[in-house]
N, C-alpha and C. Protein backbone atom coordinates (compact mmCIF):
# COMPACT_ATOMS: atom_id res chain seq x y z
N UNK A 1 49.03 50.77 -70.63
CA UNK A 1 49.95 51.77 -71.13
C UNK A 1 51.29 51.13 -71.47
N UNK A 2 51.77 50.26 -70.53
CA UNK A 2 53.04 49.59 -70.76
C UNK A 2 52.97 48.71 -72.01
N UNK A 3 51.87 48.03 -72.16
CA UNK A 3 51.75 47.13 -73.32
C UNK A 3 51.75 47.93 -74.62
N UNK A 4 51.14 49.10 -74.62
CA UNK A 4 51.13 49.93 -75.82
C UNK A 4 52.56 50.38 -76.15
N UNK A 5 53.30 50.80 -75.13
CA UNK A 5 54.69 51.23 -75.34
C UNK A 5 55.55 50.07 -75.81
N UNK A 6 55.37 48.90 -75.19
CA UNK A 6 56.14 47.72 -75.61
C UNK A 6 55.82 47.33 -77.04
N UNK A 7 54.55 47.36 -77.40
CA UNK A 7 54.14 47.02 -78.76
C UNK A 7 54.71 48.02 -79.76
N UNK A 8 54.71 49.32 -79.39
CA UNK A 8 55.28 50.35 -80.25
C UNK A 8 56.78 50.09 -80.46
N UNK A 9 57.49 49.83 -79.37
CA UNK A 9 58.93 49.58 -79.47
C UNK A 9 59.22 48.33 -80.31
N UNK A 10 58.44 47.26 -80.14
CA UNK A 10 58.63 46.04 -80.95
C UNK A 10 58.40 46.33 -82.42
N UNK A 11 57.31 47.06 -82.73
CA UNK A 11 57.00 47.39 -84.13
C UNK A 11 58.09 48.26 -84.72
N UNK A 12 58.55 49.21 -83.97
CA UNK A 12 59.62 50.10 -84.44
C UNK A 12 60.89 49.29 -84.71
N UNK A 13 61.21 48.39 -83.77
CA UNK A 13 62.42 47.56 -83.93
C UNK A 13 62.29 46.64 -85.15
N UNK A 14 61.12 46.03 -85.32
CA UNK A 14 60.90 45.15 -86.48
C UNK A 14 61.00 45.94 -87.78
N UNK A 15 60.43 47.13 -87.79
CA UNK A 15 60.48 47.97 -88.98
C UNK A 15 61.92 48.35 -89.29
N UNK A 16 62.69 48.62 -88.25
CA UNK A 16 64.09 49.00 -88.44
C UNK A 16 64.88 47.84 -89.03
N UNK A 17 64.60 46.59 -88.56
CA UNK A 17 65.30 45.42 -89.08
C UNK A 17 64.88 45.09 -90.51
N UNK A 18 63.65 45.44 -90.88
CA UNK A 18 63.16 45.14 -92.21
C UNK A 18 63.70 46.10 -93.27
N UNK A 19 64.27 47.21 -92.83
CA UNK A 19 64.77 48.18 -93.79
C UNK A 19 65.94 47.58 -94.56
N UNK A 20 65.94 47.81 -95.84
CA UNK A 20 67.07 47.31 -96.62
C UNK A 20 68.24 48.27 -96.48
N UNK A 21 69.43 47.84 -96.81
CA UNK A 21 70.61 48.69 -96.61
C UNK A 21 70.52 50.03 -97.33
N UNK A 22 69.94 50.10 -98.48
CA UNK A 22 69.85 51.36 -99.22
C UNK A 22 68.94 52.35 -98.49
N UNK A 23 67.80 51.88 -97.99
CA UNK A 23 66.89 52.79 -97.28
C UNK A 23 67.47 53.18 -95.93
N UNK A 24 68.24 52.30 -95.31
CA UNK A 24 68.89 52.63 -94.05
C UNK A 24 69.95 53.73 -94.26
N UNK A 25 70.70 53.65 -95.35
CA UNK A 25 71.69 54.66 -95.68
C UNK A 25 71.00 56.00 -95.90
N UNK A 26 69.88 55.99 -96.64
CA UNK A 26 69.13 57.23 -96.88
C UNK A 26 68.63 57.82 -95.57
N UNK A 27 68.13 56.95 -94.69
CA UNK A 27 67.64 57.41 -93.37
C UNK A 27 68.76 58.12 -92.62
N UNK A 28 69.94 57.51 -92.56
CA UNK A 28 71.05 58.11 -91.82
C UNK A 28 71.59 59.36 -92.51
N UNK A 29 71.50 59.42 -93.82
CA UNK A 29 71.92 60.63 -94.53
C UNK A 29 70.99 61.79 -94.19
N UNK A 30 69.68 61.51 -94.15
CA UNK A 30 68.72 62.56 -93.75
C UNK A 30 68.97 62.99 -92.29
N UNK A 31 69.26 62.02 -91.45
CA UNK A 31 69.52 62.32 -90.04
C UNK A 31 70.77 63.20 -89.90
N UNK A 32 71.82 62.88 -90.64
CA UNK A 32 73.05 63.68 -90.61
C UNK A 32 72.79 65.09 -91.13
N UNK A 33 72.03 65.19 -92.23
CA UNK A 33 71.72 66.51 -92.80
C UNK A 33 70.93 67.35 -91.80
N UNK A 34 69.98 66.71 -91.13
CA UNK A 34 69.17 67.42 -90.13
C UNK A 34 70.05 67.90 -88.96
N UNK A 35 70.94 67.05 -88.48
CA UNK A 35 71.81 67.43 -87.37
C UNK A 35 72.79 68.53 -87.78
N UNK A 36 73.29 68.48 -89.02
CA UNK A 36 74.17 69.55 -89.51
C UNK A 36 73.43 70.88 -89.56
N UNK A 37 72.17 70.84 -90.01
CA UNK A 37 71.38 72.05 -90.09
C UNK A 37 71.15 72.63 -88.68
N UNK A 38 70.86 71.75 -87.72
CA UNK A 38 70.68 72.21 -86.34
C UNK A 38 71.97 72.81 -85.80
N UNK A 39 73.10 72.16 -86.07
CA UNK A 39 74.38 72.66 -85.61
C UNK A 39 74.67 74.04 -86.21
N UNK A 40 74.41 74.19 -87.50
CA UNK A 40 74.65 75.46 -88.17
C UNK A 40 73.78 76.56 -87.55
N UNK A 41 72.50 76.24 -87.32
CA UNK A 41 71.59 77.21 -86.70
C UNK A 41 72.09 77.61 -85.31
N UNK A 42 72.51 76.63 -84.50
CA UNK A 42 72.97 76.92 -83.14
C UNK A 42 74.27 77.73 -83.15
N UNK A 43 75.15 77.44 -84.09
CA UNK A 43 76.39 78.22 -84.19
C UNK A 43 76.09 79.67 -84.57
N UNK A 44 75.18 79.86 -85.53
CA UNK A 44 74.80 81.21 -85.95
C UNK A 44 74.14 81.95 -84.80
N UNK A 45 73.26 81.28 -84.08
CA UNK A 45 72.57 81.87 -82.94
C UNK A 45 73.57 82.25 -81.85
N UNK A 46 74.54 81.40 -81.61
CA UNK A 46 75.58 81.69 -80.62
C UNK A 46 76.37 82.93 -81.02
N UNK A 47 76.73 83.02 -82.28
CA UNK A 47 77.47 84.20 -82.74
C UNK A 47 76.63 85.46 -82.57
N UNK A 48 75.33 85.37 -82.84
CA UNK A 48 74.46 86.53 -82.65
C UNK A 48 74.37 86.91 -81.17
N UNK A 49 74.30 85.92 -80.29
CA UNK A 49 74.28 86.21 -78.86
C UNK A 49 75.57 86.87 -78.41
N UNK A 50 76.66 86.58 -79.10
CA UNK A 50 77.95 87.19 -78.78
C UNK A 50 78.11 88.55 -79.47
N UNK A 51 77.09 89.00 -80.22
CA UNK A 51 77.13 90.30 -80.87
C UNK A 51 77.79 90.28 -82.23
N UNK A 52 77.95 89.12 -82.81
CA UNK A 52 78.59 88.98 -84.11
C UNK A 52 77.53 88.67 -85.17
N UNK A 53 77.83 88.97 -86.38
CA UNK A 53 76.96 88.65 -87.53
C UNK A 53 75.52 89.12 -87.33
N UNK A 54 75.37 90.39 -86.99
CA UNK A 54 74.05 90.97 -86.75
C UNK A 54 73.50 91.71 -87.97
N UNK A 55 74.31 91.85 -89.00
CA UNK A 55 73.92 92.69 -90.14
C UNK A 55 72.68 92.18 -90.87
N UNK A 56 72.42 90.90 -90.88
CA UNK A 56 71.27 90.38 -91.60
C UNK A 56 69.99 90.36 -90.80
N UNK A 57 70.00 90.87 -89.58
CA UNK A 57 68.81 90.80 -88.72
C UNK A 57 67.95 92.04 -88.88
N UNK A 58 66.64 91.83 -88.80
CA UNK A 58 65.70 92.96 -88.86
C UNK A 58 65.63 93.62 -87.49
N UNK A 59 64.94 94.75 -87.43
CA UNK A 59 64.74 95.47 -86.16
C UNK A 59 64.02 94.56 -85.17
N UNK A 60 63.03 93.85 -85.65
CA UNK A 60 62.27 92.94 -84.79
C UNK A 60 63.17 91.82 -84.25
N UNK A 61 64.01 91.26 -85.13
CA UNK A 61 64.94 90.21 -84.71
C UNK A 61 65.92 90.76 -83.66
N UNK A 62 66.43 91.96 -83.91
CA UNK A 62 67.37 92.57 -82.96
C UNK A 62 66.69 92.85 -81.62
N UNK A 63 65.44 93.29 -81.66
CA UNK A 63 64.70 93.55 -80.42
C UNK A 63 64.50 92.24 -79.64
N UNK A 64 64.14 91.18 -80.36
CA UNK A 64 63.97 89.87 -79.70
C UNK A 64 65.28 89.39 -79.10
N UNK A 65 66.38 89.57 -79.82
CA UNK A 65 67.69 89.18 -79.31
C UNK A 65 68.05 89.99 -78.07
N UNK A 66 67.79 91.29 -78.12
CA UNK A 66 68.05 92.15 -76.96
C UNK A 66 67.23 91.72 -75.75
N UNK A 67 65.95 91.42 -75.96
CA UNK A 67 65.08 90.97 -74.87
C UNK A 67 65.60 89.67 -74.27
N UNK A 68 66.02 88.76 -75.13
CA UNK A 68 66.52 87.48 -74.63
C UNK A 68 67.81 87.68 -73.83
N UNK A 69 68.69 88.55 -74.32
CA UNK A 69 69.93 88.83 -73.58
C UNK A 69 69.63 89.49 -72.24
N UNK A 70 68.66 90.41 -72.21
CA UNK A 70 68.29 91.05 -70.94
C UNK A 70 67.73 90.03 -69.95
N UNK A 71 66.91 89.10 -70.45
CA UNK A 71 66.37 88.07 -69.57
C UNK A 71 67.49 87.16 -69.05
N UNK A 72 68.43 86.83 -69.92
CA UNK A 72 69.56 86.01 -69.50
C UNK A 72 70.39 86.74 -68.45
N UNK A 73 70.65 88.01 -68.69
CA UNK A 73 71.43 88.81 -67.76
C UNK A 73 70.71 88.93 -66.41
N UNK A 74 69.40 89.08 -66.47
CA UNK A 74 68.62 89.16 -65.23
C UNK A 74 68.74 87.85 -64.44
N UNK A 75 68.69 86.72 -65.14
CA UNK A 75 68.85 85.43 -64.48
C UNK A 75 70.22 85.26 -63.86
N UNK A 76 71.25 85.71 -64.57
CA UNK A 76 72.62 85.63 -64.05
C UNK A 76 72.75 86.50 -62.81
N UNK A 77 72.21 87.71 -62.87
CA UNK A 77 72.30 88.61 -61.71
C UNK A 77 71.53 88.06 -60.51
N UNK A 78 70.38 87.47 -60.76
CA UNK A 78 69.60 86.90 -59.66
C UNK A 78 70.38 85.76 -58.99
N UNK A 79 71.01 84.92 -59.79
CA UNK A 79 71.80 83.81 -59.25
C UNK A 79 72.99 84.34 -58.46
N UNK A 80 73.66 85.36 -59.01
CA UNK A 80 74.81 85.96 -58.32
C UNK A 80 74.37 86.57 -57.00
N UNK A 81 73.25 87.31 -57.01
CA UNK A 81 72.74 87.93 -55.78
C UNK A 81 72.39 86.86 -54.74
N UNK A 82 71.80 85.76 -55.19
CA UNK A 82 71.45 84.69 -54.26
C UNK A 82 72.69 84.09 -53.63
N UNK A 83 73.73 83.86 -54.43
CA UNK A 83 74.98 83.31 -53.90
C UNK A 83 75.60 84.28 -52.90
N UNK A 84 75.64 85.58 -53.26
CA UNK A 84 76.21 86.57 -52.36
C UNK A 84 75.40 86.69 -51.07
N UNK A 85 74.07 86.65 -51.18
CA UNK A 85 73.22 86.71 -50.00
C UNK A 85 73.49 85.52 -49.09
N UNK A 86 73.61 84.34 -49.67
CA UNK A 86 73.90 83.14 -48.88
C UNK A 86 75.26 83.26 -48.19
N UNK A 87 76.25 83.80 -48.91
CA UNK A 87 77.57 83.98 -48.31
C UNK A 87 77.53 84.99 -47.17
N UNK A 88 76.77 86.07 -47.34
CA UNK A 88 76.65 87.07 -46.28
C UNK A 88 75.99 86.46 -45.05
N UNK A 89 74.94 85.66 -45.26
CA UNK A 89 74.28 84.99 -44.12
C UNK A 89 75.27 84.08 -43.40
N UNK A 90 76.04 83.33 -44.17
CA UNK A 90 77.02 82.42 -43.57
C UNK A 90 78.08 83.21 -42.78
N UNK A 91 78.55 84.32 -43.36
CA UNK A 91 79.54 85.13 -42.66
C UNK A 91 78.95 85.78 -41.41
N UNK A 92 77.68 86.19 -41.47
CA UNK A 92 77.02 86.74 -40.27
C UNK A 92 76.94 85.68 -39.18
N UNK A 93 76.60 84.44 -39.58
CA UNK A 93 76.53 83.36 -38.60
C UNK A 93 77.91 83.10 -37.98
N UNK A 94 78.93 83.07 -38.83
CA UNK A 94 80.29 82.86 -38.32
C UNK A 94 80.70 84.02 -37.41
N UNK A 95 80.36 85.25 -37.82
CA UNK A 95 80.67 86.42 -37.00
C UNK A 95 80.00 86.35 -35.64
N UNK A 96 78.75 85.90 -35.64
CA UNK A 96 78.01 85.75 -34.37
C UNK A 96 78.69 84.71 -33.48
N UNK A 97 79.09 83.58 -34.08
CA UNK A 97 79.76 82.54 -33.30
C UNK A 97 81.10 83.05 -32.74
N UNK A 98 81.84 83.78 -33.54
CA UNK A 98 83.12 84.33 -33.08
C UNK A 98 82.87 85.35 -31.98
N UNK A 99 81.83 86.16 -32.12
CA UNK A 99 81.48 87.14 -31.09
C UNK A 99 81.14 86.44 -29.77
N UNK A 100 80.35 85.38 -29.87
CA UNK A 100 79.99 84.62 -28.66
C UNK A 100 81.24 84.02 -28.01
N UNK A 101 82.12 83.47 -28.83
CA UNK A 101 83.36 82.89 -28.32
C UNK A 101 84.21 83.97 -27.65
N UNK A 102 84.25 85.16 -28.25
CA UNK A 102 85.00 86.28 -27.69
C UNK A 102 84.43 86.65 -26.31
N UNK A 103 83.11 86.71 -26.20
CA UNK A 103 82.50 87.03 -24.90
C UNK A 103 82.85 85.97 -23.86
N UNK A 104 82.82 84.72 -24.25
CA UNK A 104 83.16 83.64 -23.32
C UNK A 104 84.62 83.76 -22.88
N UNK A 105 85.50 84.08 -23.80
CA UNK A 105 86.91 84.24 -23.45
C UNK A 105 87.11 85.41 -22.49
N UNK A 106 86.35 86.50 -22.70
CA UNK A 106 86.43 87.64 -21.77
C UNK A 106 85.95 87.23 -20.38
N UNK A 107 84.89 86.44 -20.32
CA UNK A 107 84.40 85.96 -19.02
C UNK A 107 85.46 85.10 -18.32
N UNK A 108 86.10 84.22 -19.10
CA UNK A 108 87.14 83.36 -18.53
C UNK A 108 88.31 84.20 -18.04
N UNK A 109 88.68 85.22 -18.80
CA UNK A 109 89.78 86.10 -18.41
C UNK A 109 89.44 86.84 -17.12
N UNK A 110 88.22 87.35 -17.04
CA UNK A 110 87.79 88.04 -15.81
C UNK A 110 87.83 87.09 -14.62
N UNK A 111 87.37 85.86 -14.82
CA UNK A 111 87.37 84.87 -13.74
C UNK A 111 88.80 84.55 -13.31
N UNK A 112 89.70 84.44 -14.27
CA UNK A 112 91.10 84.17 -13.94
C UNK A 112 91.71 85.33 -13.16
N UNK A 113 91.37 86.56 -13.52
CA UNK A 113 91.87 87.73 -12.78
C UNK A 113 91.35 87.73 -11.35
N UNK A 114 90.07 87.38 -11.18
CA UNK A 114 89.50 87.31 -9.83
C UNK A 114 90.19 86.22 -9.01
N UNK A 115 90.40 85.06 -9.62
CA UNK A 115 91.07 83.97 -8.92
C UNK A 115 92.50 84.37 -8.56
N UNK A 116 93.17 85.08 -9.45
CA UNK A 116 94.53 85.55 -9.19
C UNK A 116 94.54 86.49 -8.00
N UNK A 117 93.58 87.40 -7.97
CA UNK A 117 93.49 88.35 -6.85
C UNK A 117 93.24 87.60 -5.54
N UNK A 118 92.34 86.63 -5.56
CA UNK A 118 92.05 85.85 -4.35
C UNK A 118 93.27 85.07 -3.89
N UNK A 119 94.01 84.50 -4.83
CA UNK A 119 95.22 83.77 -4.46
C UNK A 119 96.26 84.71 -3.87
N UNK A 120 96.39 85.91 -4.43
CA UNK A 120 97.33 86.89 -3.88
C UNK A 120 96.92 87.29 -2.46
N UNK A 121 95.62 87.41 -2.22
CA UNK A 121 95.15 87.76 -0.88
C UNK A 121 95.51 86.65 0.10
N UNK A 122 95.34 85.41 -0.32
CA UNK A 122 95.67 84.29 0.56
C UNK A 122 97.16 84.23 0.85
N UNK A 123 97.97 84.49 -0.17
CA UNK A 123 99.41 84.37 -0.01
C UNK A 123 99.99 85.58 0.72
N UNK A 124 99.61 86.76 0.33
CA UNK A 124 100.22 87.98 0.86
C UNK A 124 99.38 88.68 1.91
N UNK A 125 98.18 88.29 2.09
CA UNK A 125 97.30 89.00 3.00
C UNK A 125 96.56 90.07 2.23
N UNK A 126 95.50 90.59 2.79
CA UNK A 126 94.64 91.54 2.10
C UNK A 126 95.39 92.81 1.72
N UNK A 127 96.16 93.36 2.69
CA UNK A 127 96.84 94.62 2.41
C UNK A 127 97.91 94.47 1.34
N UNK A 128 98.69 93.42 1.45
CA UNK A 128 99.75 93.20 0.48
C UNK A 128 99.17 92.82 -0.89
N UNK A 129 98.03 92.14 -0.91
CA UNK A 129 97.41 91.76 -2.18
C UNK A 129 96.97 92.99 -2.95
N UNK A 130 96.43 93.97 -2.21
CA UNK A 130 96.03 95.20 -2.89
C UNK A 130 97.25 95.91 -3.47
N UNK A 131 98.36 95.94 -2.69
CA UNK A 131 99.58 96.56 -3.21
C UNK A 131 100.13 95.76 -4.39
N UNK A 132 100.09 94.43 -4.26
CA UNK A 132 100.61 93.56 -5.32
C UNK A 132 99.79 93.71 -6.59
N UNK A 133 98.47 93.88 -6.43
CA UNK A 133 97.63 94.01 -7.63
C UNK A 133 97.91 95.33 -8.32
N UNK A 134 98.29 96.37 -7.54
CA UNK A 134 98.62 97.64 -8.17
C UNK A 134 99.96 97.57 -8.89
N UNK A 135 100.89 96.81 -8.33
CA UNK A 135 102.22 96.75 -8.92
C UNK A 135 102.40 95.52 -9.82
N UNK A 136 101.39 94.66 -9.89
CA UNK A 136 101.51 93.46 -10.73
C UNK A 136 101.46 93.85 -12.19
N UNK A 137 101.98 92.99 -13.06
CA UNK A 137 101.96 93.31 -14.49
C UNK A 137 100.52 93.55 -14.96
N UNK A 138 100.36 94.43 -15.93
CA UNK A 138 99.00 94.75 -16.40
C UNK A 138 98.35 93.56 -17.11
N UNK A 139 97.03 93.61 -17.14
CA UNK A 139 96.29 92.58 -17.86
C UNK A 139 96.48 92.78 -19.35
N UNK A 140 96.56 91.69 -20.08
CA UNK A 140 96.68 91.75 -21.53
C UNK A 140 95.31 91.47 -22.14
N UNK A 141 94.89 92.33 -23.02
CA UNK A 141 93.63 92.11 -23.73
C UNK A 141 93.83 92.39 -25.20
N UNK A 142 92.99 91.83 -25.99
CA UNK A 142 93.03 92.04 -27.44
C UNK A 142 92.12 93.21 -27.75
N UNK A 143 92.64 94.19 -28.49
CA UNK A 143 91.84 95.37 -28.80
C UNK A 143 92.20 95.83 -30.20
N UNK A 144 91.18 95.96 -31.03
CA UNK A 144 91.42 96.45 -32.39
C UNK A 144 90.81 97.84 -32.59
N UNK A 145 90.46 98.51 -31.52
CA UNK A 145 89.91 99.85 -31.63
C UNK A 145 88.41 99.87 -31.81
N UNK A 146 87.75 98.73 -31.81
CA UNK A 146 86.30 98.64 -31.97
C UNK A 146 85.70 98.05 -30.71
N UNK A 147 84.41 98.25 -30.53
CA UNK A 147 83.70 97.71 -29.38
C UNK A 147 83.70 96.19 -29.45
N UNK A 148 84.29 95.53 -28.46
CA UNK A 148 84.42 94.07 -28.49
C UNK A 148 83.09 93.37 -28.22
N UNK A 149 82.15 94.06 -27.60
CA UNK A 149 80.88 93.43 -27.26
C UNK A 149 79.78 93.71 -28.27
N UNK A 150 80.09 94.50 -29.27
CA UNK A 150 79.07 94.83 -30.29
C UNK A 150 78.99 93.69 -31.30
N UNK A 151 77.78 93.20 -31.59
CA UNK A 151 77.66 92.15 -32.60
C UNK A 151 77.99 92.69 -33.99
N UNK A 152 78.42 91.80 -34.84
CA UNK A 152 78.81 92.17 -36.20
C UNK A 152 77.67 91.80 -37.14
N UNK A 153 77.25 92.73 -38.00
CA UNK A 153 76.21 92.46 -38.99
C UNK A 153 76.74 92.85 -40.36
N UNK A 154 76.70 91.91 -41.30
CA UNK A 154 77.13 92.18 -42.66
C UNK A 154 75.91 92.28 -43.55
N UNK A 155 75.99 93.05 -44.61
CA UNK A 155 74.90 93.13 -45.57
C UNK A 155 75.46 93.50 -46.93
N UNK A 156 74.69 93.16 -47.98
CA UNK A 156 75.10 93.47 -49.34
C UNK A 156 74.89 94.96 -49.60
N UNK A 157 75.81 95.56 -50.32
CA UNK A 157 75.64 96.94 -50.75
C UNK A 157 76.35 97.10 -52.08
N UNK A 158 76.01 98.17 -52.77
CA UNK A 158 76.64 98.45 -54.05
C UNK A 158 78.10 98.81 -53.81
N UNK A 159 79.01 98.40 -54.68
CA UNK A 159 80.41 98.73 -54.48
C UNK A 159 80.64 100.24 -54.58
N UNK A 160 81.52 100.73 -53.72
CA UNK A 160 81.87 102.14 -53.73
C UNK A 160 82.95 102.37 -54.76
N UNK A 161 83.03 103.58 -55.33
CA UNK A 161 84.10 103.87 -56.30
C UNK A 161 85.46 103.68 -55.64
N UNK A 162 86.39 103.15 -56.38
CA UNK A 162 87.73 102.89 -55.85
C UNK A 162 88.47 104.20 -55.64
N UNK A 163 89.10 104.34 -54.49
CA UNK A 163 89.94 105.48 -54.19
C UNK A 163 91.35 104.97 -53.97
N UNK A 164 92.32 105.77 -54.28
CA UNK A 164 93.70 105.38 -54.05
C UNK A 164 94.17 105.78 -52.67
N UNK A 165 93.26 106.36 -51.87
CA UNK A 165 93.62 106.81 -50.53
C UNK A 165 93.65 105.61 -49.60
N UNK A 166 94.31 105.80 -48.46
CA UNK A 166 94.33 104.78 -47.42
C UNK A 166 92.96 104.73 -46.77
N UNK A 167 92.57 103.61 -46.16
CA UNK A 167 91.27 103.54 -45.49
C UNK A 167 91.19 104.58 -44.37
N UNK A 168 89.96 105.02 -44.10
CA UNK A 168 89.76 106.07 -43.11
C UNK A 168 90.24 105.64 -41.72
N UNK A 169 89.86 104.44 -41.28
CA UNK A 169 90.24 103.97 -39.95
C UNK A 169 90.81 102.57 -40.10
N UNK A 170 92.13 102.46 -40.22
CA UNK A 170 92.71 101.12 -40.38
C UNK A 170 92.51 100.31 -39.11
N UNK A 171 92.32 99.03 -39.27
CA UNK A 171 92.13 98.15 -38.12
C UNK A 171 93.50 97.83 -37.53
N UNK A 172 93.65 98.03 -36.22
CA UNK A 172 94.90 97.73 -35.54
C UNK A 172 94.73 96.41 -34.80
N UNK A 173 95.65 95.52 -35.05
CA UNK A 173 95.62 94.22 -34.38
C UNK A 173 96.87 94.11 -33.51
N UNK A 174 96.73 93.46 -32.39
CA UNK A 174 97.90 93.22 -31.55
C UNK A 174 97.52 93.29 -30.09
N UNK A 175 98.49 93.03 -29.24
CA UNK A 175 98.27 93.10 -27.79
C UNK A 175 98.48 94.52 -27.33
N UNK A 176 97.61 94.96 -26.47
CA UNK A 176 97.77 96.28 -25.88
C UNK A 176 97.74 96.13 -24.37
N UNK A 177 98.53 96.91 -23.70
CA UNK A 177 98.58 96.86 -22.25
C UNK A 177 97.52 97.77 -21.65
N UNK A 178 96.85 97.30 -20.62
CA UNK A 178 95.87 98.14 -19.93
C UNK A 178 96.31 98.33 -18.51
């Protein structure tokens, strides 16, 4: 197979070198004319895809153009949906990791509160520790009005019509005293 290809390439190269300047000029003129014709066809086709210069097309041509545009649009939508689905999966994974980290931080906070209570008992005695825990500053926790232990799940949905109203339940961020 290689020898056939090599022999073809050698013959082609020899034939190219044997061409006289006049025939070589004619060859390149035909090549330029062919490329110009292709360029013209592609420019016209592009204009038709953009909805321009449709007056010379038959019903069948217009139907074929419409079908091709619908197939192209379907491909674009499929790619967009795939990208959005991948992004939603990534955000769900990040949300899960943040949720796990939040649970770990709550466990650490609870452990610190227990250690604080035990230290107060050692320092002040059991009775005074109970009084001190009642009068000690309140615990600080992060609360945005939602269940902190509920996992977060995102999914794709159709966009809702835009309203100029404020959101139904705005998210509150900040420290709250308990």
